[in-house]
Protein backbone atom coordinates (compact mmCIF):
# COMPACT_ATOMS: atom_id res chain seq x y z
CA UNK A 1 126.03 123.64 121.01
CA UNK A 2 124.82 119.67 120.26
CA UNK A 3 124.09 119.00 116.64
CA UNK A 4 122.37 115.74 115.06
CA UNK A 5 121.13 114.60 111.98
CA UNK A 6 117.59 115.28 110.89
CA UNK A 7 115.85 115.32 107.58
CA UNK A 8 114.61 118.52 106.52
CA UNK A 9 111.36 118.49 103.96
CA UNK A 10 112.02 122.39 101.93
CA UNK A 11 108.15 123.33 100.82
CA UNK A 12 109.81 125.17 97.77
CA UNK A 13 111.86 122.88 95.92
CA UNK A 14 110.16 120.12 97.11
CA UNK A 15 113.50 118.67 98.81
CA UNK A 16 114.11 116.19 101.72
CA UNK A 17 117.51 116.43 102.27
CA UNK A 18 119.44 114.70 105.05
CA UNK A 19 121.44 117.99 107.38
CA UNK A 20 123.35 118.71 110.40
CA UNK A 21 121.55 120.59 112.83
CA UNK A 22 121.51 121.99 116.83
CA UNK A 23 120.20 119.27 119.14
CA UNK A 24 116.88 121.37 119.97
CA UNK A 25 115.85 122.30 123.56
CA UNK A 26 113.30 121.38 125.47
CA UNK A 27 111.42 124.90 127.27
CA UNK A 28 108.92 124.47 130.52
CA UNK A 29 106.97 121.30 130.28
CA UNK A 30 108.69 120.12 127.37
CA UNK A 31 111.32 116.89 127.16
CA UNK A 32 114.35 115.94 124.83
CA UNK A 33 113.42 112.48 123.42
CA UNK A 34 116.34 110.45 121.57
CA UNK A 35 114.51 108.84 118.61
CA UNK A 36 115.12 105.14 118.35
CA UNK A 37 112.44 104.61 115.08
CA UNK A 38 109.88 106.72 113.04
CA UNK A 39 107.51 105.23 110.72
CA UNK A 40 106.86 106.70 107.46
CA UNK A 41 102.79 107.66 106.84
CA UNK A 42 101.19 108.49 103.75
CA UNK A 43 101.02 111.62 105.02
CA UNK A 44 104.40 111.79 105.00
CA UNK A 45 105.10 110.88 101.61
CA UNK A 46 101.96 113.80 100.68
CA UNK A 47 104.02 115.98 102.74
CA UNK A 48 106.37 115.74 100.70
CA UNK A 49 104.93 115.26 96.82
CA UNK A 50 102.83 118.15 98.28
CA UNK A 51 99.46 116.98 97.45
CA UNK A 52 99.31 118.14 101.88
CA UNK A 53 101.23 121.32 102.20
CA UNK A 54 102.09 122.29 105.92
CA UNK A 55 102.06 125.33 107.29
CA UNK A 56 106.19 126.01 108.00
CA UNK A 57 108.36 126.38 104.86
CA UNK A 58 111.29 123.99 105.94
CA UNK A 59 110.29 120.92 108.50
CA UNK A 60 111.73 117.13 110.05
CA UNK A 61 108.48 114.98 109.43
CA UNK A 62 107.76 112.70 111.65
CA UNK A 63 104.81 111.72 114.03
CA UNK A 64 104.89 107.54 114.48
CA UNK A 65 107.89 107.96 116.93
CA UNK A 66 109.16 106.03 119.59
CA UNK A 67 112.66 106.99 121.83
CA UNK A 68 114.00 106.90 125.28
CA UNK A 69 114.19 110.64 127.11
CA UNK A 70 117.58 112.41 127.34
CA UNK A 71 116.66 115.61 128.89
CA UNK A 72 113.57 117.38 130.95
CA UNK A 73 113.18 120.53 130.43
CA UNK A 74 111.25 123.31 133.65
CA UNK A 75 108.38 121.97 135.39
CA UNK A 76 108.32 118.73 134.67
CA UNK A 77 107.41 116.26 136.92
CA UNK A 78 106.98 111.87 136.70
CA UNK A 79 109.53 111.37 134.00
CA UNK A 80 113.08 110.16 134.24
CA UNK A 81 115.41 109.81 131.88
CA UNK A 82 116.30 106.94 130.38
CA UNK A 83 112.75 106.09 130.43
CA UNK A 84 111.13 104.49 127.01
CA UNK A 85 108.39 106.42 125.39
CA UNK A 86 106.33 106.33 122.71
CA UNK A 87 105.28 110.09 121.39
CA UNK A 88 101.84 111.14 120.51
CA UNK A 89 101.45 112.65 116.93
CA UNK A 90 100.78 116.38 117.95
CA UNK A 91 99.75 118.22 120.74
CA UNK A 92 98.03 120.92 121.49
CA UNK A 93 97.93 124.11 121.14
CA UNK A 94 97.33 125.78 124.23
CA UNK A 95 95.30 128.99 123.41
CA UNK A 96 91.80 127.75 122.01
CA UNK A 97 89.49 127.93 124.39
CA UNK A 98 89.10 124.09 124.68
CA UNK A 99 92.84 124.69 126.20
CA UNK A 100 92.56 127.27 127.93
CA UNK A 101 90.37 125.53 130.25
CA UNK A 102 91.92 122.76 131.16
CA UNK A 103 91.10 120.43 127.67
CA UNK A 104 93.96 119.84 125.57
CA UNK A 105 92.32 117.04 124.12
CA UNK A 106 89.42 119.30 123.13
CA UNK A 107 91.68 121.34 121.30
CA UNK A 108 90.48 123.14 118.31
CA UNK A 109 93.73 123.79 116.83
CA UNK A 110 95.67 120.75 117.74
CA UNK A 111 99.31 120.77 116.28
CA UNK A 112 100.25 117.78 114.08
CA UNK A 113 104.21 116.60 114.70
CA UNK A 114 106.30 117.20 111.35
CA UNK A 115 103.97 119.36 109.91
CA UNK A 116 103.52 122.20 112.39
CA UNK A 117 106.09 121.55 114.77
CA UNK A 118 109.47 119.64 114.00
CA UNK A 119 109.03 116.15 113.96
CA UNK A 120 111.19 112.73 114.83
CA UNK A 121 113.09 112.01 111.63
CA UNK A 122 115.51 113.32 113.40
CA UNK A 123 118.13 111.77 116.47
CA UNK A 124 116.17 114.12 118.84
CA UNK A 125 112.97 115.46 119.21
CA UNK A 126 111.05 118.10 121.46
CA UNK A 127 107.83 117.26 122.49
CA UNK A 128 105.56 117.82 125.44
CA UNK A 129 105.75 116.09 128.83
CA UNK A 130 101.77 115.61 128.06
CA UNK A 131 102.50 113.50 124.77
CA UNK A 132 104.31 111.01 125.59
CA UNK A 133 103.28 107.44 127.10
CA UNK A 134 106.12 104.54 128.88
CA UNK A 135 106.68 102.02 127.11
CA UNK A 136 107.19 98.88 129.03
CA UNK A 137 110.48 96.36 128.69
CA UNK A 138 109.12 93.92 126.83
CA UNK A 139 107.55 96.00 123.56
CA UNK A 140 110.33 97.13 121.68
CA UNK A 141 110.59 100.03 120.22
CA UNK A 142 109.75 100.30 116.93
CA UNK A 143 107.08 98.19 117.50
CA UNK A 144 105.92 100.93 119.95
CA UNK A 145 106.33 103.48 117.10
CA UNK A 146 103.20 102.22 115.59
CA UNK A 147 100.41 103.17 118.35
CA UNK A 148 101.13 106.68 118.03
CA UNK A 149 99.00 106.97 114.59
CA UNK A 150 98.06 103.66 113.16
CA UNK A 151 96.68 102.32 116.40
CA UNK A 152 95.80 105.01 118.40
CA UNK A 153 94.10 106.99 114.76
CA UNK A 154 92.06 103.95 114.38
CA UNK A 155 90.93 103.14 118.38
CA UNK A 156 89.87 106.47 118.43
CA UNK A 157 87.39 106.62 115.53
CA UNK A 158 86.68 103.06 117.02
CA UNK A 159 85.55 103.03 120.54
CA UNK A 160 85.95 106.29 121.63
CA UNK A 161 84.27 108.47 118.72
CA UNK A 162 82.09 105.02 117.82
CA UNK A 163 82.14 104.33 120.79
CA UNK A 164 81.77 100.67 119.14
CA UNK A 165 81.21 97.54 122.40
CA UNK A 166 81.42 94.22 122.18
CA UNK A 167 78.69 91.85 120.67
CA UNK A 168 77.79 94.90 118.08
CA UNK A 169 78.85 94.43 114.37
CA UNK A 170 81.13 96.78 112.99
CA UNK A 171 81.88 97.53 108.85
CA UNK A 172 86.08 98.64 108.00
CA UNK A 173 85.91 99.94 105.26
CA UNK A 174 90.16 99.94 103.30
CA UNK A 175 92.23 97.39 105.29
CA UNK A 176 95.71 99.09 105.34
CA UNK A 177 97.92 100.27 107.13
CA UNK A 178 95.01 101.87 109.60
CA UNK A 179 92.16 99.41 108.42
CA UNK A 180 94.55 96.00 109.98
CA UNK A 181 94.75 97.51 113.72
CA UNK A 182 91.29 98.80 113.33
CA UNK A 183 90.17 95.11 112.20
CA UNK A 184 92.76 94.06 115.42
CA UNK A 185 90.88 96.31 117.61
CA UNK A 186 87.47 95.60 116.86
CA UNK A 187 88.16 91.78 117.62
CA UNK A 188 89.64 93.11 120.54
CA UNK A 189 86.89 94.71 122.34
CA UNK A 190 84.67 91.73 120.99
CA UNK A 191 82.66 93.25 118.66
CA UNK A 192 81.17 90.84 115.60
CA UNK A 193 80.50 90.68 113.29
CA UNK A 194 83.25 92.15 111.92
CA UNK A 195 83.02 93.04 108.09
CA UNK A 196 86.22 94.39 106.18
CA UNK A 197 85.37 95.86 102.29
CA UNK A 198 88.85 96.16 99.98
CA UNK A 199 89.75 95.87 96.63
CA UNK A 200 93.39 94.52 96.50
CA UNK A 201 92.63 90.49 97.10
CA UNK A 202 95.65 90.95 99.21
CA UNK A 203 94.24 92.82 101.86
CA UNK A 204 90.57 91.31 101.82
CA UNK A 205 93.46 88.56 103.21
CA UNK A 206 95.02 90.52 105.27
CA UNK A 207 91.56 91.44 107.45
CA UNK A 208 91.14 87.31 107.64
CA UNK A 209 94.30 86.64 109.10
CA UNK A 210 94.28 90.70 111.73
CA UNK A 211 90.55 88.81 113.20
CA UNK A 212 87.51 89.60 110.23
CA UNK A 213 84.85 87.69 110.28
CA UNK A 214 84.08 88.50 106.52
CA UNK A 215 85.73 89.84 103.54
CA UNK A 216 84.02 91.41 100.34
CA UNK A 217 85.06 92.90 97.60
CA UNK A 218 83.35 95.83 96.83
CA UNK A 219 83.91 95.69 92.58
CA UNK A 220 82.02 92.55 93.04
CA UNK A 221 78.48 92.55 91.55
CA UNK A 222 76.50 91.27 95.00
CA UNK A 223 78.13 93.42 97.29
C-alpha cells in the first residue's frame, strides 16, 4: 500500500505530528490530488490550540490548498491527471434537504476540510470533483492556494451576500488576511468610497496600498 507524509492532529493530546499514513483512495465522484501548496489559516491555529475544536479525534488539518490531479475516482468526468487545481475549503454533506434537491451550493450541513474530514497538510488529499477549479498555467500554485479561503470568503461576503456593486461605498472592519483581500475585491468591482477600519497602523497602511480610499483608527476620538 502506498504511503505519504501527513500532519496529524490529536485532539486529546493537542499534539501535531508528522506521520506516515496510507495514501487515501478516491471514491466515486472524488479525485486524489497531489498537494503542491497549502496555507495556514488562523482557524487551523485555533484547532490546534483547542479554542476551535473539531468533531474528529484525529485529523489532518489544512483547507487552503492547490495541487495537481493525481488520480480520478469512478464516475468523474471533465478532469484528467496532471491538471492544476485549487481546492474548495469544504464540501457539501450530500445528505441534507438542499443537497437531496440538487442544490449542494445551499448545503445546510457544510463540511470543512481539515475539520470534518482530512485536509491538505499532506502530500495527497481526496476531494469531491465538484470542489475543484482549474488553475491557469501562469498562476503559481502557492498563490492559487490563497484563493481557497482568504479570497473566496470575502468575495462571497461582499459580492454574493452583500451584493456590493460599482459605485457603492463600503466599510471594512479589520484588514488582516481576509480584510486585505476584501479591499482588493471591493476595488475590483468598482466600489467607492472604500473605508478600512483597523487599530493597527501597519494594517491601515496595508489597506491604502491595497486600494482603500480611507483608513481609520477605531480607537481615535474623532472616528
